[in-house]
């Protein structure tokens, strides 16, 4: 009975509903993996995409997997690669809570390109927290692309 009264109040009171939505958004937005992507650096048929990560989860990130697409000035994809950017191997440790880390994602190019013409598109496809708990990377990862 109490649950019905509470949900009725929430449903019928626009102020309470707004407060509930705002509080839910604040708590949901606190924990995430932030990824800052830097400008692509290309040499010959290889390109490096420097990334910086910030873990704001209260748990370790055991592993994260990403795909990077490189496109030229016309938008044509000239390179693509998928790899673990955090953990994924015994030789790579997990990322501790409230820590930062860097990673250079190397991609092979189909043909040599000048580094000024390449744009990196990064998408995290898998995110595993402590004790094997998986979370939705579409909801929990914020990617800031390189500025032109």
N, C-alpha and C. Protein backbone atom coordinates (compact mmCIF):
# COMPACT_ATOMS: atom_id res chain seq x y z
N UNK A 1 0.82 -1.19 0.00
CA UNK A 1 0.00 0.00 0.00
C UNK A 1 0.87 1.26 0.00
N UNK A 2 1.92 1.25 0.81
CA UNK A 2 2.79 2.43 0.87
C UNK A 2 3.47 2.63 -0.48
N UNK A 3 3.92 1.54 -1.12
CA UNK A 3 4.56 1.64 -2.42
C UNK A 3 3.64 2.26 -3.45
N UNK A 4 2.35 1.91 -3.42
CA UNK A 4 1.40 2.49 -4.36
C UNK A 4 1.20 3.97 -4.11
N UNK A 5 1.16 4.37 -2.83
CA UNK A 5 0.98 5.78 -2.51
C UNK A 5 2.19 6.58 -2.99
N UNK A 6 3.40 6.06 -2.73
CA UNK A 6 4.61 6.76 -3.14
C UNK A 6 4.68 6.90 -4.65
N UNK A 7 4.41 5.81 -5.37
CA UNK A 7 4.49 5.89 -6.82
C UNK A 7 3.39 6.77 -7.38
N UNK A 8 2.25 6.80 -6.73
CA UNK A 8 1.18 7.69 -7.15
C UNK A 8 1.57 9.14 -6.96
N UNK A 9 2.21 9.45 -5.84
CA UNK A 9 2.67 10.81 -5.59
C UNK A 9 3.71 11.23 -6.62
N UNK A 10 4.61 10.32 -6.92
CA UNK A 10 5.66 10.63 -7.89
C UNK A 10 5.05 10.85 -9.27
N UNK A 11 4.11 10.00 -9.63
CA UNK A 11 3.50 10.07 -10.94
C UNK A 11 2.64 11.33 -11.09
N UNK A 12 1.96 11.74 -10.03
CA UNK A 12 1.03 12.86 -10.11
C UNK A 12 1.63 14.20 -9.73
N UNK A 13 2.86 14.22 -9.21
CA UNK A 13 3.48 15.46 -8.78
C UNK A 13 4.64 15.79 -9.71
N UNK A 14 4.47 16.79 -10.57
CA UNK A 14 5.54 17.08 -11.54
C UNK A 14 6.84 17.55 -10.88
N UNK A 15 6.76 18.23 -9.75
CA UNK A 15 7.98 18.67 -9.07
C UNK A 15 8.75 17.46 -8.55
N UNK A 16 8.06 16.54 -7.90
CA UNK A 16 8.71 15.34 -7.37
C UNK A 16 9.29 14.50 -8.51
N UNK A 17 8.56 14.41 -9.60
CA UNK A 17 9.03 13.63 -10.75
C UNK A 17 10.31 14.26 -11.32
N UNK A 18 10.35 15.60 -11.42
CA UNK A 18 11.54 16.29 -11.93
C UNK A 18 12.73 16.07 -11.00
N UNK A 19 12.51 16.19 -9.69
CA UNK A 19 13.59 15.97 -8.72
C UNK A 19 14.11 14.54 -8.84
N UNK A 20 13.22 13.57 -8.95
CA UNK A 20 13.61 12.16 -9.09
C UNK A 20 14.45 11.95 -10.34
N UNK A 21 14.02 12.52 -11.46
CA UNK A 21 14.76 12.35 -12.72
C UNK A 21 16.13 13.00 -12.62
N UNK A 22 16.20 14.20 -12.04
CA UNK A 22 17.49 14.88 -11.90
C UNK A 22 18.44 14.10 -10.99
N UNK A 23 17.94 13.61 -9.87
CA UNK A 23 18.80 12.84 -8.96
C UNK A 23 19.26 11.54 -9.60
N UNK A 24 18.39 10.88 -10.33
CA UNK A 24 18.77 9.65 -11.01
C UNK A 24 19.86 9.93 -12.04
N UNK A 25 19.73 11.02 -12.78
CA UNK A 25 20.74 11.39 -13.78
C UNK A 25 22.07 11.74 -13.15
N UNK A 26 22.06 12.42 -12.01
CA UNK A 26 23.30 12.79 -11.33
C UNK A 26 24.05 11.55 -10.87
N UNK A 27 23.33 10.60 -10.25
CA UNK A 27 24.01 9.40 -9.78
C UNK A 27 24.47 8.52 -10.94
N UNK A 28 23.71 8.47 -12.02
CA UNK A 28 24.10 7.64 -13.16
C UNK A 28 25.29 8.23 -13.89
N UNK A 29 25.40 9.57 -13.92
CA UNK A 29 26.47 10.22 -14.68
C UNK A 29 27.79 10.24 -13.91
N UNK A 30 27.79 9.93 -12.64
CA UNK A 30 29.01 10.01 -11.84
C UNK A 30 30.03 8.95 -12.23
N UNK A 31 29.61 7.73 -12.45
CA UNK A 31 30.55 6.65 -12.74
C UNK A 31 30.66 6.46 -14.24
N UNK A 32 31.89 6.56 -14.73
CA UNK A 32 32.09 6.36 -16.16
C UNK A 32 33.57 6.24 -16.48
N UNK A 33 33.83 5.87 -17.70
CA UNK A 33 35.17 5.90 -18.27
C UNK A 33 35.19 7.05 -19.26
N UNK A 34 36.06 8.02 -19.02
CA UNK A 34 36.21 9.15 -19.94
C UNK A 34 37.43 8.90 -20.82
N UNK A 35 37.25 9.08 -22.12
CA UNK A 35 38.33 8.86 -23.08
C UNK A 35 38.55 10.15 -23.87
N UNK A 36 39.75 10.72 -23.77
CA UNK A 36 40.13 11.89 -24.58
C UNK A 36 41.03 11.40 -25.70
N UNK A 37 40.59 11.63 -26.92
CA UNK A 37 41.34 11.20 -28.10
C UNK A 37 42.15 12.38 -28.62
N UNK A 38 43.44 12.17 -28.86
CA UNK A 38 44.31 13.22 -29.41
C UNK A 38 44.43 13.08 -30.91
N UNK A 39 45.07 14.04 -31.54
CA UNK A 39 45.26 14.02 -33.00
C UNK A 39 46.07 12.81 -33.44
N UNK A 40 45.73 12.30 -34.61
CA UNK A 40 46.40 11.13 -35.19
C UNK A 40 47.79 11.53 -35.64
N UNK A 41 48.76 10.65 -35.36
CA UNK A 41 50.13 10.85 -35.81
C UNK A 41 50.48 9.69 -36.74
N UNK A 42 50.68 9.99 -38.03
CA UNK A 42 50.95 8.95 -39.02
C UNK A 42 52.38 9.03 -39.51
N UNK A 43 52.98 7.83 -39.67
CA UNK A 43 54.31 7.70 -40.26
C UNK A 43 54.25 6.49 -41.18
N UNK A 44 54.46 6.74 -42.47
CA UNK A 44 54.42 5.63 -43.43
C UNK A 44 53.03 5.00 -43.47
N UNK A 45 52.99 3.68 -43.24
CA UNK A 45 51.72 2.97 -43.29
C UNK A 45 51.19 2.62 -41.90
N UNK A 46 51.63 3.35 -40.89
CA UNK A 46 51.14 3.16 -39.52
C UNK A 46 50.69 4.50 -38.98
N UNK A 47 49.68 4.47 -38.14
CA UNK A 47 49.20 5.69 -37.48
C UNK A 47 48.96 5.38 -36.01
N UNK A 48 49.34 6.31 -35.15
CA UNK A 48 49.11 6.18 -33.71
C UNK A 48 48.02 7.16 -33.31
N UNK A 49 47.07 6.64 -32.52
CA UNK A 49 46.00 7.47 -31.98
C UNK A 49 46.20 7.52 -30.47
N UNK A 50 46.79 8.61 -29.95
CA UNK A 50 46.98 8.72 -28.51
C UNK A 50 45.64 8.95 -27.79
N UNK A 51 45.46 8.24 -26.68
CA UNK A 51 44.24 8.36 -25.87
C UNK A 51 44.61 8.50 -24.41
N UNK A 52 43.79 9.24 -23.68
CA UNK A 52 43.95 9.34 -22.24
C UNK A 52 42.62 8.91 -21.60
N UNK A 53 42.72 8.05 -20.59
CA UNK A 53 41.53 7.53 -19.91
C UNK A 53 41.45 8.06 -18.49
N UNK A 54 40.22 8.24 -18.01
CA UNK A 54 39.99 8.55 -16.60
C UNK A 54 38.87 7.63 -16.12
N UNK A 55 39.18 6.85 -15.09
CA UNK A 55 38.21 5.93 -14.49
C UNK A 55 37.56 6.61 -13.30
N UNK A 56 36.28 6.93 -13.39
CA UNK A 56 35.57 7.53 -12.27
C UNK A 56 34.63 6.52 -11.60
N UNK A 57 34.73 5.26 -11.98
CA UNK A 57 33.98 4.22 -11.28
C UNK A 57 34.59 4.04 -9.89
N UNK A 58 33.81 3.48 -8.97
CA UNK A 58 34.34 3.16 -7.64
C UNK A 58 34.99 1.79 -7.63
N UNK A 59 34.99 1.12 -8.78
CA UNK A 59 35.59 -0.20 -8.93
C UNK A 59 36.71 -0.14 -9.97
N UNK A 60 37.57 -1.17 -9.95
CA UNK A 60 38.59 -1.28 -10.99
C UNK A 60 37.91 -1.61 -12.32
N UNK A 61 38.52 -1.14 -13.40
CA UNK A 61 38.12 -1.58 -14.73
C UNK A 61 39.06 -2.72 -15.09
N UNK A 62 38.52 -3.93 -15.17
CA UNK A 62 39.33 -5.11 -15.49
C UNK A 62 39.79 -5.07 -16.94
N UNK A 63 38.88 -4.68 -17.85
CA UNK A 63 39.26 -4.63 -19.26
C UNK A 63 38.29 -3.75 -20.05
N UNK A 64 38.82 -3.20 -21.13
CA UNK A 64 38.03 -2.41 -22.06
C UNK A 64 38.57 -2.68 -23.46
N UNK A 65 37.66 -2.88 -24.40
CA UNK A 65 38.03 -3.17 -25.78
C UNK A 65 37.45 -2.07 -26.66
N UNK A 66 38.25 -1.65 -27.66
CA UNK A 66 37.79 -0.57 -28.53
C UNK A 66 38.13 -0.86 -29.98
N UNK A 67 37.39 -0.20 -30.85
CA UNK A 67 37.67 -0.23 -32.28
C UNK A 67 37.96 1.20 -32.70
N UNK A 68 38.95 1.35 -33.58
CA UNK A 68 39.31 2.67 -34.11
C UNK A 68 39.23 2.60 -35.63
N UNK A 69 38.52 3.57 -36.19
CA UNK A 69 38.45 3.75 -37.64
C UNK A 69 39.20 5.03 -37.98
N UNK A 70 40.06 4.96 -38.98
CA UNK A 70 40.76 6.15 -39.47
C UNK A 70 40.19 6.50 -40.84
N UNK A 71 39.84 7.77 -41.00
CA UNK A 71 39.31 8.20 -42.30
C UNK A 71 40.11 9.39 -42.81
N UNK A 72 40.17 9.52 -44.13
CA UNK A 72 40.91 10.62 -44.74
C UNK A 72 40.01 11.85 -44.87
N UNK A 73 40.50 12.87 -45.56
CA UNK A 73 39.76 14.13 -45.69
C UNK A 73 38.43 13.96 -46.42
N UNK A 74 38.34 12.96 -47.30
CA UNK A 74 37.08 12.72 -48.03
C UNK A 74 36.12 11.82 -47.25
N UNK A 75 36.54 11.32 -46.10
CA UNK A 75 35.69 10.46 -45.29
C UNK A 75 35.85 8.98 -45.58
N UNK A 76 36.78 8.63 -46.46
CA UNK A 76 37.02 7.23 -46.80
C UNK A 76 37.84 6.57 -45.69
N UNK A 77 37.40 5.39 -45.24
CA UNK A 77 38.12 4.67 -44.20
C UNK A 77 39.41 4.11 -44.78
N UNK A 78 40.55 4.47 -44.16
CA UNK A 78 41.86 4.05 -44.65
C UNK A 78 42.58 3.12 -43.66
N UNK A 79 41.94 2.84 -42.54
CA UNK A 79 42.51 1.93 -41.55
C UNK A 79 41.51 1.63 -40.45
N UNK A 80 41.60 0.41 -39.90
CA UNK A 80 40.68 0.01 -38.84
C UNK A 80 41.35 -1.07 -38.02
N UNK A 81 41.16 -1.02 -36.69
CA UNK A 81 41.74 -2.03 -35.83
C UNK A 81 40.94 -2.11 -34.54
N UNK A 82 40.94 -3.31 -33.93
CA UNK A 82 40.27 -3.56 -32.66
C UNK A 82 41.28 -4.15 -31.71
N UNK A 83 41.30 -3.65 -30.46
CA UNK A 83 42.20 -4.23 -29.46
C UNK A 83 41.76 -3.83 -28.06
N UNK A 84 42.36 -4.52 -27.08
CA UNK A 84 42.13 -4.19 -25.68
C UNK A 84 42.88 -2.92 -25.36
N UNK A 85 42.22 -1.93 -24.79
CA UNK A 85 42.87 -0.68 -24.42
C UNK A 85 43.15 -0.61 -22.92
N UNK A 86 42.46 -1.42 -22.15
CA UNK A 86 42.71 -1.58 -20.71
C UNK A 86 42.64 -3.07 -20.43
N UNK A 87 43.62 -3.61 -19.71
CA UNK A 87 43.59 -5.03 -19.34
C UNK A 87 43.50 -5.92 -20.55
N UNK A 88 42.73 -7.01 -20.40
CA UNK A 88 42.55 -7.94 -21.50
C UNK A 88 43.61 -9.02 -21.57
N UNK A 89 44.76 -8.78 -20.96
CA UNK A 89 45.85 -9.74 -20.91
C UNK A 89 46.41 -9.74 -19.50
N UNK A 90 47.04 -10.84 -19.13
CA UNK A 90 47.65 -10.91 -17.80
C UNK A 90 48.79 -9.91 -17.64
N UNK A 91 49.43 -9.55 -18.74
CA UNK A 91 50.55 -8.60 -18.67
C UNK A 91 50.09 -7.15 -18.51
N UNK A 92 48.80 -6.88 -18.72
CA UNK A 92 48.27 -5.52 -18.57
C UNK A 92 47.37 -5.47 -17.35
N UNK A 93 47.71 -4.66 -16.37
CA UNK A 93 46.91 -4.61 -15.15
C UNK A 93 45.59 -3.88 -15.36
N UNK A 94 44.61 -4.14 -14.46
CA UNK A 94 43.36 -3.39 -14.52
C UNK A 94 43.60 -1.92 -14.14
N UNK A 95 42.62 -1.09 -14.40
CA UNK A 95 42.73 0.34 -14.09
C UNK A 95 42.02 0.63 -12.77
N UNK A 96 42.76 1.18 -11.84
CA UNK A 96 42.23 1.45 -10.50
C UNK A 96 41.19 2.57 -10.54
N UNK A 97 40.29 2.60 -9.54
CA UNK A 97 39.30 3.68 -9.47
C UNK A 97 39.98 5.04 -9.34
N UNK A 98 39.35 6.04 -9.90
CA UNK A 98 39.83 7.44 -9.85
C UNK A 98 41.28 7.59 -10.30
N UNK A 99 41.63 6.89 -11.36
CA UNK A 99 42.99 7.00 -11.90
C UNK A 99 42.92 7.38 -13.38
N UNK A 100 44.08 7.79 -13.90
CA UNK A 100 44.18 8.11 -15.32
C UNK A 100 45.25 7.23 -15.95
N UNK A 101 45.17 7.06 -17.24
CA UNK A 101 46.11 6.22 -17.96
C UNK A 101 46.16 6.70 -19.41
N UNK A 102 47.23 6.37 -20.10
CA UNK A 102 47.34 6.71 -21.52
C UNK A 102 47.56 5.43 -22.33
N UNK A 103 47.21 5.52 -23.61
CA UNK A 103 47.36 4.38 -24.51
C UNK A 103 47.55 4.92 -25.92
N UNK A 104 48.51 4.36 -26.64
CA UNK A 104 48.70 4.70 -28.06
C UNK A 104 48.16 3.54 -28.88
N UNK A 105 47.06 3.79 -29.57
CA UNK A 105 46.38 2.79 -30.38
C UNK A 105 46.99 2.86 -31.78
N UNK A 106 47.74 1.83 -32.19
CA UNK A 106 48.41 1.82 -33.49
C UNK A 106 47.53 1.10 -34.51
N UNK A 107 47.36 1.76 -35.65
CA UNK A 107 46.51 1.23 -36.72
C UNK A 107 47.33 1.18 -38.00
N UNK A 108 47.24 0.07 -38.74
CA UNK A 108 47.89 -0.03 -40.05
C UNK A 108 47.00 0.66 -41.08
N UNK A 109 47.64 1.41 -41.98
CA UNK A 109 46.92 2.12 -43.03
C UNK A 109 46.98 1.34 -44.33
N UNK A 110 45.96 1.50 -45.16
CA UNK A 110 45.96 0.82 -46.45
C UNK A 110 46.99 1.43 -47.40
N UNK A 111 47.20 2.75 -47.30
CA UNK A 111 48.23 3.46 -48.07
C UNK A 111 48.80 4.57 -47.18
N UNK A 112 50.02 5.02 -47.44
CA UNK A 112 50.58 6.10 -46.62
C UNK A 112 49.76 7.39 -46.75
N UNK A 113 49.55 8.06 -45.63
CA UNK A 113 48.79 9.31 -45.61
C UNK A 113 49.49 10.32 -44.73
N UNK A 114 49.39 11.61 -45.09
CA UNK A 114 49.91 12.63 -44.18
C UNK A 114 49.05 12.68 -42.93
N UNK A 115 49.69 12.87 -41.78
CA UNK A 115 48.96 12.81 -40.51
C UNK A 115 47.91 13.90 -40.37
N UNK A 116 48.06 15.02 -41.07
CA UNK A 116 47.11 16.12 -40.92
C UNK A 116 45.76 15.81 -41.54
N UNK A 117 45.69 14.82 -42.42
CA UNK A 117 44.44 14.52 -43.11
C UNK A 117 43.63 13.40 -42.47
N UNK A 118 44.10 12.81 -41.39
CA UNK A 118 43.42 11.64 -40.82
C UNK A 118 42.58 12.01 -39.61
N UNK A 119 41.41 11.39 -39.54
CA UNK A 119 40.50 11.58 -38.41
C UNK A 119 40.23 10.21 -37.78
N UNK A 120 40.33 10.14 -36.45
CA UNK A 120 40.07 8.89 -35.74
C UNK A 120 38.67 8.89 -35.16
N UNK A 121 37.96 7.78 -35.37
CA UNK A 121 36.67 7.55 -34.73
C UNK A 121 36.85 6.37 -33.79
N UNK A 122 36.62 6.60 -32.50
CA UNK A 122 36.85 5.58 -31.48
C UNK A 122 35.52 5.15 -30.88
N UNK A 123 35.36 3.83 -30.72
CA UNK A 123 34.15 3.29 -30.07
C UNK A 123 34.59 2.17 -29.13
N UNK A 124 34.24 2.31 -27.85
CA UNK A 124 34.51 1.25 -26.89
C UNK A 124 33.39 0.22 -27.03
N UNK A 125 33.76 -1.04 -27.27
CA UNK A 125 32.77 -2.08 -27.54
C UNK A 125 32.52 -3.01 -26.37
N UNK A 126 33.44 -3.03 -25.39
CA UNK A 126 33.27 -3.91 -24.23
C UNK A 126 33.93 -3.25 -23.03
N UNK A 127 33.23 -3.30 -21.89
CA UNK A 127 33.74 -2.72 -20.65
C UNK A 127 33.40 -3.65 -19.50
N UNK A 128 34.46 -4.17 -18.86
CA UNK A 128 34.29 -5.14 -17.76
C UNK A 128 34.89 -4.55 -16.49
N UNK A 129 34.06 -4.49 -15.45
CA UNK A 129 34.51 -3.98 -14.16
C UNK A 129 34.97 -5.13 -13.27
N UNK A 130 35.32 -4.78 -12.06
CA UNK A 130 35.78 -5.74 -11.05
C UNK A 130 34.78 -6.90 -10.91
N UNK A 131 35.27 -8.07 -10.65
CA UNK A 131 34.48 -9.30 -10.45
C UNK A 131 33.73 -9.71 -11.71
N UNK A 132 34.19 -9.26 -12.88
CA UNK A 132 33.59 -9.69 -14.14
C UNK A 132 32.28 -9.03 -14.49
N UNK A 133 31.90 -7.98 -13.80
CA UNK A 133 30.62 -7.30 -14.07
C UNK A 133 30.76 -6.44 -15.32
N UNK A 134 29.96 -6.76 -16.33
CA UNK A 134 29.99 -6.00 -17.58
C UNK A 134 28.99 -4.85 -17.50
N UNK A 135 29.36 -3.73 -18.10
CA UNK A 135 28.46 -2.58 -18.17
C UNK A 135 28.35 -2.16 -19.63
N UNK A 136 27.30 -1.43 -19.93
CA UNK A 136 27.04 -1.00 -21.30
C UNK A 136 27.96 0.17 -21.66
N UNK A 137 28.91 -0.03 -22.57
CA UNK A 137 29.81 1.06 -22.93
C UNK A 137 29.10 2.24 -23.58
N UNK A 138 27.94 2.00 -24.19
CA UNK A 138 27.18 3.10 -24.79
C UNK A 138 26.67 4.06 -23.72
N UNK A 139 26.45 3.55 -22.50
CA UNK A 139 25.95 4.38 -21.41
C UNK A 139 27.06 4.88 -20.49
N UNK A 140 28.14 4.13 -20.36
CA UNK A 140 29.15 4.39 -19.34
C UNK A 140 30.47 4.93 -19.86
N UNK A 141 30.59 5.16 -21.15
CA UNK A 141 31.84 5.68 -21.73
C UNK A 141 31.55 7.01 -22.43
N UNK A 142 32.34 8.00 -22.08
CA UNK A 142 32.25 9.31 -22.73
C UNK A 142 33.53 9.49 -23.55
N UNK A 143 33.38 9.69 -24.86
CA UNK A 143 34.55 9.86 -25.74
C UNK A 143 34.58 11.30 -26.24
N UNK A 144 35.71 11.95 -25.99
CA UNK A 144 35.91 13.31 -26.48
C UNK A 144 36.88 13.23 -27.67
N UNK A 145 36.39 13.48 -28.88
CA UNK A 145 37.27 13.37 -30.05
C UNK A 145 38.32 14.47 -30.08
N UNK A 146 39.35 14.25 -30.87
CA UNK A 146 40.43 15.24 -31.02
C UNK A 146 39.87 16.51 -31.64
N UNK A 147 40.39 17.65 -31.19
CA UNK A 147 39.98 18.92 -31.76
C UNK A 147 40.78 19.20 -33.00
N UNK A 148 40.17 19.84 -33.96
CA UNK A 148 40.85 20.16 -35.22
C UNK A 148 41.62 21.43 -35.06
